[in-house]
Amino acid sequence: MYSPPINHKFNIQMRKFLNPFLVISILVLAAACNQLEIIPRKTDPIMEDRIANDKPIINLGEDKKSLTELILGDRSASLDYGGSITFQTALDKVSFMPLASVDAASGVIITDWYNIEGDDLRIKINIRIFDQEMSDGSVSVQMFKQQFDGNKWNDQGNDDMQALKIKKAILDEARVLQATIDLS
């Protein structure tokens, strides 16, 4: 049986040519890719969600603002009152009541209705921390009261005096804690 002679010289020469060629090709390709300018596509996750889920599209214009920005105004998006001494003190003060909502990012604490004096009177407290300065303008407290008349709950309005006492207690305790931290 006859087999043609294998040209080993040709194979060796091809390998010598292909190895450097392959290395150079990879380096040129990598250098070319490195020079590409990739521009990220600006996406609007809210708009994409609305389109994907067939929700109505609301055009807010170029000055789109989040709900937090609309409520708090134009502030830094990195505000988070969860670590604030004032926020933690306020949360501690109302921890005996059921909490309806706690939003550390915006500094808002809202309790659920809580019965006092038997089952005929109940209260609800809303607390908002505006900043970490511990001044009188840093905290807002509202206390709502309702009276049960046997059939339904009737609004008794805001109890401004109790709200002021709660606000004072929050600020006083926060200031003491801050002074303790500063001294240690």
N, C-alpha and C. Protein backbone atom coordinates (compact mmCIF):
# COMPACT_ATOMS: atom_id res chain seq x y z
N MET A 1 0.84 -1.16 0.00
CA MET A 1 0.00 0.00 0.00
C MET A 1 0.89 1.24 0.00
N TYR A 2 0.55 2.11 -0.88
CA TYR A 2 1.36 3.30 -1.07
C TYR A 2 0.72 4.48 -0.34
N SER A 3 1.51 5.22 0.43
CA SER A 3 1.03 6.46 1.05
C SER A 3 1.95 7.58 0.64
N PRO A 4 1.36 8.73 0.29
CA PRO A 4 2.20 9.83 -0.16
C PRO A 4 3.07 10.34 0.99
N PRO A 5 4.24 10.79 0.72
CA PRO A 5 5.12 11.28 1.78
C PRO A 5 4.56 12.58 2.39
N ILE A 6 4.63 12.67 3.69
CA ILE A 6 4.15 13.85 4.40
C ILE A 6 5.29 14.86 4.43
N ASN A 7 4.94 16.05 4.06
CA ASN A 7 5.94 17.08 4.01
C ASN A 7 6.03 17.74 5.38
N HIS A 8 6.90 17.26 6.22
CA HIS A 8 7.07 17.79 7.57
C HIS A 8 7.64 19.19 7.57
N LYS A 9 8.44 19.48 6.56
CA LYS A 9 9.00 20.82 6.48
C LYS A 9 7.90 21.85 6.29
N PHE A 10 6.91 21.49 5.44
CA PHE A 10 5.80 22.42 5.19
C PHE A 10 4.99 22.66 6.48
N ASN A 11 4.71 21.59 7.23
CA ASN A 11 3.94 21.72 8.48
C ASN A 11 4.69 22.57 9.50
N ILE A 12 5.97 22.40 9.60
CA ILE A 12 6.77 23.17 10.56
C ILE A 12 6.79 24.63 10.16
N GLN A 13 6.94 24.89 8.85
CA GLN A 13 6.94 26.27 8.38
C GLN A 13 5.58 26.93 8.61
N MET A 14 4.49 26.19 8.40
CA MET A 14 3.13 26.73 8.64
C MET A 14 2.93 27.07 10.11
N ARG A 15 3.40 26.22 10.97
CA ARG A 15 3.26 26.49 12.41
C ARG A 15 4.07 27.72 12.80
N LYS A 16 5.23 27.85 12.27
CA LYS A 16 6.05 29.02 12.57
C LYS A 16 5.37 30.29 12.09
N PHE A 17 4.66 30.21 10.98
CA PHE A 17 3.96 31.37 10.44
C PHE A 17 2.65 31.65 11.19
N LEU A 18 1.88 30.60 11.49
CA LEU A 18 0.55 30.76 12.10
C LEU A 18 0.61 31.20 13.56
N ASN A 19 1.53 30.69 14.34
CA ASN A 19 1.60 31.06 15.75
C ASN A 19 1.79 32.57 15.94
N PRO A 20 2.81 33.17 15.33
CA PRO A 20 2.95 34.64 15.48
C PRO A 20 1.78 35.39 14.85
N PHE A 21 1.27 34.89 13.71
CA PHE A 21 0.13 35.53 13.06
C PHE A 21 -1.09 35.53 13.98
N LEU A 22 -1.34 34.41 14.65
CA LEU A 22 -2.46 34.30 15.57
C LEU A 22 -2.29 35.24 16.76
N VAL A 23 -1.11 35.31 17.31
CA VAL A 23 -0.83 36.20 18.45
C VAL A 23 -1.00 37.66 18.04
N ILE A 24 -0.47 38.02 16.89
CA ILE A 24 -0.58 39.41 16.41
C ILE A 24 -2.05 39.75 16.13
N SER A 25 -2.79 38.83 15.54
CA SER A 25 -4.21 39.06 15.25
C SER A 25 -5.00 39.31 16.53
N ILE A 26 -4.74 38.54 17.55
CA ILE A 26 -5.43 38.71 18.84
C ILE A 26 -5.08 40.05 19.45
N LEU A 27 -3.81 40.44 19.39
CA LEU A 27 -3.40 41.74 19.94
C LEU A 27 -4.03 42.90 19.19
N VAL A 28 -4.10 42.82 17.87
CA VAL A 28 -4.72 43.88 17.07
C VAL A 28 -6.22 43.97 17.38
N LEU A 29 -6.86 42.83 17.50
CA LEU A 29 -8.29 42.81 17.82
C LEU A 29 -8.55 43.41 19.20
N ALA A 30 -7.72 43.07 20.18
CA ALA A 30 -7.89 43.61 21.53
C ALA A 30 -7.66 45.11 21.55
N ALA A 31 -6.65 45.57 20.81
CA ALA A 31 -6.38 47.02 20.75
C ALA A 31 -7.52 47.76 20.07
N ALA A 32 -8.10 47.16 19.04
CA ALA A 32 -9.21 47.80 18.35
C ALA A 32 -10.45 47.87 19.25
N CYS A 33 -10.70 46.83 20.00
CA CYS A 33 -11.85 46.83 20.91
C CYS A 33 -11.66 47.84 22.04
N ASN A 34 -10.43 48.04 22.45
CA ASN A 34 -10.14 48.97 23.53
C ASN A 34 -10.45 50.40 23.13
N GLN A 35 -10.36 50.69 21.84
CA GLN A 35 -10.60 52.05 21.36
C GLN A 35 -12.07 52.33 21.08
N LEU A 36 -12.91 51.33 21.20
CA LEU A 36 -14.34 51.55 20.97
C LEU A 36 -14.90 52.45 22.07
N GLU A 37 -15.73 53.37 21.67
CA GLU A 37 -16.37 54.25 22.65
C GLU A 37 -17.79 53.75 22.86
N ILE A 38 -18.00 53.16 24.03
CA ILE A 38 -19.32 52.59 24.33
C ILE A 38 -20.13 53.65 25.06
N ILE A 39 -21.25 53.98 24.49
CA ILE A 39 -22.14 54.99 25.08
C ILE A 39 -23.32 54.26 25.70
N PRO A 40 -23.48 54.37 27.02
CA PRO A 40 -24.61 53.67 27.65
C PRO A 40 -25.93 54.29 27.21
N ARG A 41 -26.89 53.44 27.02
CA ARG A 41 -28.22 53.89 26.62
C ARG A 41 -28.94 54.40 27.85
N LYS A 42 -29.47 55.59 27.73
CA LYS A 42 -30.22 56.15 28.86
C LYS A 42 -31.56 55.44 28.93
N THR A 43 -31.77 54.78 30.08
CA THR A 43 -33.02 54.06 30.25
C THR A 43 -33.83 54.68 31.36
N ASP A 44 -35.09 54.56 31.24
CA ASP A 44 -36.02 55.03 32.26
C ASP A 44 -36.76 53.80 32.77
N PRO A 45 -36.36 53.25 33.94
CA PRO A 45 -36.97 52.00 34.41
C PRO A 45 -38.48 52.13 34.64
N ILE A 46 -38.93 53.29 35.03
CA ILE A 46 -40.37 53.48 35.25
C ILE A 46 -41.11 53.39 33.93
N MET A 47 -40.57 54.07 32.91
CA MET A 47 -41.20 54.06 31.60
C MET A 47 -41.16 52.65 31.01
N GLU A 48 -40.02 51.96 31.15
CA GLU A 48 -39.92 50.59 30.63
C GLU A 48 -40.93 49.67 31.31
N ASP A 49 -41.12 49.83 32.62
CA ASP A 49 -42.09 49.02 33.34
C ASP A 49 -43.51 49.31 32.85
N ARG A 50 -43.81 50.58 32.62
CA ARG A 50 -45.14 50.95 32.13
C ARG A 50 -45.40 50.36 30.75
N ILE A 51 -44.39 50.40 29.87
CA ILE A 51 -44.54 49.86 28.52
C ILE A 51 -44.69 48.34 28.58
N ALA A 52 -43.84 47.68 29.38
CA ALA A 52 -43.86 46.21 29.47
C ALA A 52 -45.16 45.69 30.05
N ASN A 53 -45.77 46.42 30.97
CA ASN A 53 -46.98 45.95 31.64
C ASN A 53 -48.24 46.63 31.14
N ASP A 54 -48.16 47.25 29.97
CA ASP A 54 -49.31 47.92 29.34
C ASP A 54 -50.00 48.90 30.27
N LYS A 55 -49.21 49.66 31.03
CA LYS A 55 -49.76 50.69 31.89
C LYS A 55 -49.78 52.00 31.11
N PRO A 56 -50.63 52.93 31.49
CA PRO A 56 -50.66 54.20 30.76
C PRO A 56 -49.34 54.95 30.92
N ILE A 57 -48.91 55.56 29.84
CA ILE A 57 -47.65 56.29 29.84
C ILE A 57 -47.94 57.74 30.21
N ILE A 58 -47.26 58.18 31.25
CA ILE A 58 -47.43 59.54 31.73
C ILE A 58 -46.19 60.32 31.36
N ASN A 59 -46.36 61.39 30.61
CA ASN A 59 -45.22 62.21 30.21
C ASN A 59 -45.01 63.29 31.27
N LEU A 60 -43.93 63.15 32.03
CA LEU A 60 -43.61 64.11 33.08
C LEU A 60 -42.65 65.18 32.60
N GLY A 61 -42.23 65.09 31.36
CA GLY A 61 -41.30 66.08 30.83
C GLY A 61 -39.88 65.77 31.27
N GLU A 62 -39.00 66.72 31.03
CA GLU A 62 -37.59 66.54 31.36
C GLU A 62 -37.31 66.67 32.85
N ASP A 63 -38.15 67.38 33.59
CA ASP A 63 -37.90 67.61 35.01
C ASP A 63 -38.63 66.58 35.86
N LYS A 64 -38.42 65.29 35.53
CA LYS A 64 -39.05 64.22 36.29
C LYS A 64 -38.52 64.23 37.71
N LYS A 65 -39.40 64.04 38.67
CA LYS A 65 -38.99 64.00 40.07
C LYS A 65 -39.65 62.80 40.74
N SER A 66 -38.95 62.23 41.68
CA SER A 66 -39.51 61.13 42.44
C SER A 66 -40.50 61.70 43.47
N LEU A 67 -41.27 60.81 44.07
CA LEU A 67 -42.23 61.24 45.08
C LEU A 67 -41.49 61.88 46.25
N THR A 68 -40.36 61.33 46.64
CA THR A 68 -39.57 61.91 47.73
C THR A 68 -39.12 63.32 47.40
N GLU A 69 -38.67 63.53 46.14
CA GLU A 69 -38.25 64.86 45.72
C GLU A 69 -39.42 65.84 45.70
N LEU A 70 -40.59 65.35 45.30
CA LEU A 70 -41.76 66.23 45.28
C LEU A 70 -42.16 66.64 46.69
N ILE A 71 -42.06 65.72 47.63
CA ILE A 71 -42.47 66.00 49.01
C ILE A 71 -41.40 66.82 49.73
N LEU A 72 -40.14 66.41 49.62
CA LEU A 72 -39.07 67.05 50.37
C LEU A 72 -38.47 68.25 49.65
N GLY A 73 -38.74 68.38 48.37
CA GLY A 73 -38.11 69.44 47.60
C GLY A 73 -36.82 68.94 47.00
N ASP A 74 -36.06 69.83 46.41
CA ASP A 74 -34.81 69.45 45.75
C ASP A 74 -33.71 69.28 46.78
N ARG A 75 -33.54 68.06 47.23
CA ARG A 75 -32.48 67.72 48.16
C ARG A 75 -31.64 66.62 47.56
N SER A 76 -30.55 66.35 48.19
CA SER A 76 -29.68 65.28 47.73
C SER A 76 -30.40 63.94 47.82
N ALA A 77 -30.21 63.10 46.82
CA ALA A 77 -30.88 61.80 46.81
C ALA A 77 -30.29 60.85 47.84
N SER A 78 -29.17 61.20 48.44
CA SER A 78 -28.52 60.31 49.38
C SER A 78 -28.98 60.51 50.82
N LEU A 79 -30.00 61.34 51.03
CA LEU A 79 -30.48 61.54 52.40
C LEU A 79 -31.08 60.25 52.92
N ASP A 80 -30.68 59.87 54.10
CA ASP A 80 -31.22 58.69 54.74
C ASP A 80 -31.18 58.95 56.24
N TYR A 81 -32.34 59.05 56.84
CA TYR A 81 -32.43 59.39 58.25
C TYR A 81 -32.42 58.16 59.14
N GLY A 82 -32.30 56.96 58.55
CA GLY A 82 -32.33 55.73 59.33
C GLY A 82 -31.24 55.67 60.39
N GLY A 83 -30.07 56.25 60.11
CA GLY A 83 -28.98 56.27 61.07
C GLY A 83 -28.96 57.52 61.92
N SER A 84 -29.91 58.40 61.71
CA SER A 84 -29.98 59.66 62.45
C SER A 84 -30.40 59.40 63.89
N ILE A 85 -29.74 60.08 64.80
CA ILE A 85 -30.08 59.94 66.22
C ILE A 85 -31.52 60.42 66.45
N THR A 86 -31.90 61.51 65.81
CA THR A 86 -33.25 62.04 65.98
C THR A 86 -34.28 61.04 65.47
N PHE A 87 -34.04 60.45 64.31
CA PHE A 87 -34.98 59.48 63.75
C PHE A 87 -35.10 58.25 64.65
N GLN A 88 -33.96 57.74 65.11
CA GLN A 88 -33.98 56.56 65.97
C GLN A 88 -34.67 56.85 67.30
N THR A 89 -34.47 58.06 67.84
CA THR A 89 -35.14 58.44 69.09
C THR A 89 -36.64 58.54 68.89
N ALA A 90 -37.06 59.14 67.77
CA ALA A 90 -38.49 59.25 67.47
C ALA A 90 -39.11 57.87 67.31
N LEU A 91 -38.40 56.99 66.62
CA LEU A 91 -38.90 55.62 66.44
C LEU A 91 -39.02 54.90 67.78
N ASP A 92 -38.06 55.13 68.66
CA ASP A 92 -38.09 54.53 69.99
C ASP A 92 -39.28 55.06 70.81
N LYS A 93 -39.57 56.35 70.68
CA LYS A 93 -40.66 56.97 71.45
C LYS A 93 -42.03 56.39 71.09
N VAL A 94 -42.22 56.02 69.83
CA VAL A 94 -43.54 55.51 69.42
C VAL A 94 -43.54 54.00 69.21
N SER A 95 -42.50 53.32 69.69
CA SER A 95 -42.39 51.88 69.47
C SER A 95 -43.46 51.07 70.20
N PHE A 96 -44.12 51.66 71.19
CA PHE A 96 -45.19 50.95 71.89
C PHE A 96 -46.46 50.88 71.06
N MET A 97 -46.55 51.71 70.01
CA MET A 97 -47.73 51.77 69.15
C MET A 97 -47.48 50.93 67.89
N PRO A 98 -48.56 50.41 67.29
CA PRO A 98 -48.36 49.72 65.99
C PRO A 98 -47.96 50.74 64.94
N LEU A 99 -46.98 50.39 64.13
CA LEU A 99 -46.48 51.30 63.12
C LEU A 99 -47.12 50.99 61.77
N ALA A 100 -47.70 52.02 61.14
CA ALA A 100 -48.30 51.85 59.82
C ALA A 100 -47.26 52.00 58.73
N SER A 101 -46.30 52.93 58.92
CA SER A 101 -45.28 53.17 57.91
C SER A 101 -44.04 53.78 58.55
N VAL A 102 -42.88 53.28 58.15
CA VAL A 102 -41.61 53.85 58.58
C VAL A 102 -40.75 53.97 57.32
N ASP A 103 -40.37 55.20 56.98
CA ASP A 103 -39.55 55.44 55.80
C ASP A 103 -38.31 56.20 56.23
N ALA A 104 -37.24 55.45 56.41
CA ALA A 104 -35.98 56.06 56.88
C ALA A 104 -35.39 57.00 55.83
N ALA A 105 -35.64 56.74 54.56
CA ALA A 105 -35.08 57.58 53.50
C ALA A 105 -35.64 58.99 53.53
N SER A 106 -36.92 59.13 53.88
CA SER A 106 -37.52 60.46 53.91
C SER A 106 -37.73 60.97 55.34
N GLY A 107 -37.44 60.15 56.35
CA GLY A 107 -37.56 60.58 57.73
C GLY A 107 -38.99 60.63 58.23
N VAL A 108 -39.85 59.74 57.75
CA VAL A 108 -41.26 59.76 58.12
C VAL A 108 -41.62 58.51 58.93
N ILE A 109 -42.33 58.73 60.04
CA ILE A 109 -42.84 57.64 60.87
C ILE A 109 -44.33 57.90 61.05
N ILE A 110 -45.16 56.92 60.70
CA ILE A 110 -46.61 57.04 60.85
C ILE A 110 -47.09 55.84 61.65
N THR A 111 -47.75 56.10 62.76
CA THR A 111 -48.29 55.00 63.56
C THR A 111 -49.70 54.66 63.08
N ASP A 112 -50.14 53.52 63.50
CA ASP A 112 -51.53 53.14 63.27
C ASP A 112 -52.34 53.63 64.47
N TRP A 113 -53.64 53.52 64.40
CA TRP A 113 -54.48 53.95 65.52
C TRP A 113 -54.19 53.09 66.74
N TYR A 114 -54.14 53.73 67.91
CA TYR A 114 -53.82 53.05 69.17
C TYR A 114 -54.84 53.47 70.22
N ASN A 115 -55.51 52.48 70.81
CA ASN A 115 -56.54 52.77 71.81
C ASN A 115 -55.92 53.14 73.16
N ILE A 116 -56.44 54.20 73.77
CA ILE A 116 -56.07 54.60 75.12
C ILE A 116 -57.36 54.86 75.88
N GLU A 117 -57.28 54.92 77.20
CA GLU A 117 -58.44 55.15 78.05
C GLU A 117 -59.58 54.19 77.68
N GLY A 118 -59.32 52.91 77.86
CA GLY A 118 -60.34 51.92 77.50
C GLY A 118 -60.38 51.77 75.99
N ASP A 119 -61.57 51.65 75.47
CA ASP A 119 -61.71 51.51 74.03
C ASP A 119 -62.46 52.67 73.41
N ASP A 120 -62.61 53.78 74.15
CA ASP A 120 -63.39 54.90 73.64
C ASP A 120 -62.56 55.99 72.97
N LEU A 121 -61.25 55.99 73.18
CA LEU A 121 -60.39 57.03 72.62
C LEU A 121 -59.18 56.38 71.97
N ARG A 122 -58.85 56.84 70.79
CA ARG A 122 -57.66 56.32 70.14
C ARG A 122 -56.88 57.47 69.51
N ILE A 123 -55.56 57.23 69.35
CA ILE A 123 -54.68 58.27 68.81
C ILE A 123 -53.84 57.70 67.67
N LYS A 124 -53.36 58.60 66.87
CA LYS A 124 -52.46 58.26 65.76
C LYS A 124 -51.42 59.37 65.70
N ILE A 125 -50.14 59.01 65.52
CA ILE A 125 -49.07 60.00 65.52
C ILE A 125 -48.30 59.93 64.20
N ASN A 126 -48.06 61.10 63.61
CA ASN A 126 -47.22 61.23 62.42
C ASN A 126 -46.00 62.06 62.81
N ILE A 127 -44.82 61.54 62.53
CA ILE A 127 -43.57 62.25 62.84
C ILE A 127 -42.77 62.37 61.55
N ARG A 128 -42.22 63.55 61.34
CA ARG A 128 -41.36 63.78 60.18
C ARG A 128 -40.08 64.46 60.64
N ILE A 129 -38.95 63.87 60.29
CA ILE A 129 -37.64 64.43 60.60
C ILE A 129 -37.17 65.16 59.33
N PHE A 130 -36.93 66.47 59.44
CA PHE A 130 -36.53 67.26 58.28
C PHE A 130 -35.02 67.26 58.07
N ASP A 131 -34.26 67.29 59.15
CA ASP A 131 -32.81 67.29 59.05
C ASP A 131 -32.24 66.75 60.35
N GLN A 132 -30.93 66.73 60.46
CA GLN A 132 -30.28 66.14 61.62
C GLN A 132 -29.72 67.21 62.57
N GLU A 133 -30.26 68.40 62.50
CA GLU A 133 -29.76 69.52 63.30
C GLU A 133 -30.23 69.50 64.76
N MET A 134 -31.31 68.79 65.05
CA MET A 134 -31.90 68.72 66.40
C MET A 134 -32.39 70.08 66.89
N SER A 135 -32.87 70.89 65.98
CA SER A 135 -33.47 72.18 66.35
C SER A 135 -34.99 72.01 66.34
N ASP A 136 -35.71 73.03 66.79
CA ASP A 136 -37.16 72.94 66.83
C ASP A 136 -37.77 72.73 65.45
N GLY A 137 -37.12 73.25 64.43
CA GLY A 137 -37.62 73.08 63.07
C GLY A 137 -37.22 71.76 62.42
N SER A 138 -36.47 70.94 63.14
CA SER A 138 -35.99 69.67 62.59
C SER A 138 -37.03 68.57 62.64
N VAL A 139 -38.02 68.72 63.51
CA VAL A 139 -38.99 67.65 63.73
C VAL A 139 -40.40 68.23 63.68
N SER A 140 -41.29 67.49 63.04
CA SER A 140 -42.70 67.84 63.04
C SER A 140 -43.48 66.65 63.60
N VAL A 141 -44.35 66.92 64.57
CA VAL A 141 -45.16 65.86 65.17
C VAL A 141 -46.62 66.27 65.09
N GLN A 142 -47.45 65.37 64.61
CA GLN A 142 -48.90 65.58 64.60
C GLN A 142 -49.54 64.42 65.35
N MET A 143 -50.49 64.76 66.20
CA MET A 143 -51.20 63.72 66.95
C MET A 143 -52.70 63.89 66.70
N PHE A 144 -53.30 62.85 66.16
CA PHE A 144 -54.73 62.87 65.84
C PHE A 144 -55.49 62.05 66.87
N LYS A 145 -56.68 62.51 67.21
CA LYS A 145 -57.52 61.80 68.19
C LYS A 145 -58.86 61.48 67.57
N GLN A 146 -59.41 60.33 67.99
CA GLN A 146 -60.77 59.94 67.61
C GLN A 146 -61.49 59.40 68.84
N GLN A 147 -62.75 59.71 68.93
CA GLN A 147 -63.61 59.27 70.04
C GLN A 147 -64.67 58.31 69.48
N PHE A 148 -64.92 57.21 70.19
CA PHE A 148 -65.93 56.25 69.76
C PHE A 148 -67.24 56.57 70.45
N ASP A 149 -68.30 56.76 69.66
CA ASP A 149 -69.60 57.13 70.25
C ASP A 149 -70.55 55.95 70.38
N GLY A 150 -70.06 54.76 70.19
CA GLY A 150 -70.91 53.57 70.29
C GLY A 150 -71.18 52.97 68.92
N ASN A 151 -71.16 53.79 67.88
CA ASN A 151 -71.41 53.30 66.52
C ASN A 151 -70.21 53.49 65.60
N LYS A 152 -69.54 54.63 65.71
CA LYS A 152 -68.43 54.93 64.81
C LYS A 152 -67.41 55.81 65.52
N TRP A 153 -66.24 55.90 64.89
CA TRP A 153 -65.17 56.75 65.39
C TRP A 153 -65.36 58.15 64.83
N ASN A 154 -65.32 59.14 65.71
CA ASN A 154 -65.47 60.54 65.31
C ASN A 154 -64.16 61.28 65.55
N ASP A 155 -63.73 62.05 64.53
CA ASP A 155 -62.50 62.82 64.65
C ASP A 155 -62.63 63.88 65.73
N GLN A 156 -61.60 63.97 66.57
CA GLN A 156 -61.55 65.00 67.61
C GLN A 156 -60.51 66.07 67.27
N GLY A 157 -59.92 65.94 66.07
CA GLY A 157 -58.92 66.92 65.64
C GLY A 157 -57.53 66.58 66.13
N ASN A 158 -56.63 67.54 65.96
CA ASN A 158 -55.25 67.38 66.39
C ASN A 158 -55.10 67.77 67.85
N ASP A 159 -54.24 67.07 68.55
CA ASP A 159 -53.90 67.44 69.93
C ASP A 159 -52.52 68.09 69.87
N ASP A 160 -52.51 69.40 69.66
CA ASP A 160 -51.25 70.13 69.48
C ASP A 160 -50.39 70.14 70.73
N MET A 161 -51.00 70.18 71.89
CA MET A 161 -50.22 70.21 73.14
C MET A 161 -49.46 68.90 73.34
N GLN A 162 -50.14 67.77 73.14
CA GLN A 162 -49.46 66.47 73.28
C GLN A 162 -48.39 66.30 72.20
N ALA A 163 -48.69 66.77 70.99
CA ALA A 163 -47.71 66.69 69.89
C ALA A 163 -46.46 67.49 70.24
N LEU A 164 -46.64 68.64 70.83
CA LEU A 164 -45.50 69.48 71.23
C LEU A 164 -44.68 68.79 72.33
N LYS A 165 -45.36 68.13 73.28
CA LYS A 165 -44.66 67.39 74.33
C LYS A 165 -43.84 66.23 73.75
N ILE A 166 -44.44 65.53 72.80
CA ILE A 166 -43.73 64.41 72.16
C ILE A 166 -42.51 64.94 71.40
N LYS A 167 -42.68 66.03 70.66
CA LYS A 167 -41.59 66.64 69.92
C LYS A 167 -40.46 67.05 70.85
N LYS A 168 -40.82 67.69 71.97
CA LYS A 168 -39.82 68.13 72.95
C LYS A 168 -39.08 66.92 73.53
N ALA A 169 -39.82 65.84 73.84
CA ALA A 169 -39.19 64.64 74.39
C ALA A 169 -38.22 64.01 73.39
N ILE A 170 -38.60 63.98 72.12
CA ILE A 170 -37.73 63.43 71.08
C ILE A 170 -36.44 64.25 70.97
N LEU A 171 -36.59 65.57 70.88
CA LEU A 171 -35.42 66.44 70.72
C LEU A 171 -34.53 66.42 71.96
N ASP A 172 -35.13 66.44 73.15
CA ASP A 172 -34.33 66.41 74.38
C ASP A 172 -33.50 65.13 74.47
N GLU A 173 -34.12 64.00 74.21
CA GLU A 173 -33.40 62.74 74.29
C GLU A 173 -32.34 62.63 73.20
N ALA A 174 -32.65 63.11 71.99
CA ALA A 174 -31.68 63.07 70.90
C ALA A 174 -30.46 63.95 71.22
N ARG A 175 -30.71 65.10 71.83
CA ARG A 175 -29.60 65.99 72.19
C ARG A 175 -28.72 65.37 73.27
N VAL A 176 -29.34 64.71 74.24
CA VAL A 176 -28.56 64.03 75.29
C VAL A 176 -27.72 62.91 74.68
N LEU A 177 -28.31 62.13 73.79
CA LEU A 177 -27.56 61.06 73.14
C LEU A 177 -26.41 61.61 72.30
N GLN A 178 -26.66 62.71 71.58
CA GLN A 178 -25.61 63.32 70.78
C GLN A 178 -24.48 63.84 71.65
N ALA A 179 -24.84 64.47 72.79
CA ALA A 179 -23.82 64.98 73.71
C ALA A 179 -23.00 63.81 74.29
N THR A 180 -23.65 62.72 74.59
CA THR A 180 -22.96 61.54 75.10
C THR A 180 -21.99 60.99 74.06
N ILE A 181 -22.43 60.95 72.82
CA ILE A 181 -21.55 60.46 71.74
C ILE A 181 -20.36 61.41 71.56
N ASP A 182 -20.64 62.71 71.60
CA ASP A 182 -19.57 63.69 71.41
C ASP A 182 -18.53 63.63 72.53
N LEU A 183 -18.96 63.30 73.75
CA LEU A 183 -18.04 63.23 74.88
C LEU A 183 -17.24 61.93 74.93
N SER A 184 -17.75 60.92 74.28
CA SER A 184 -17.04 59.62 74.35
C SER A 184 -16.01 59.47 73.28
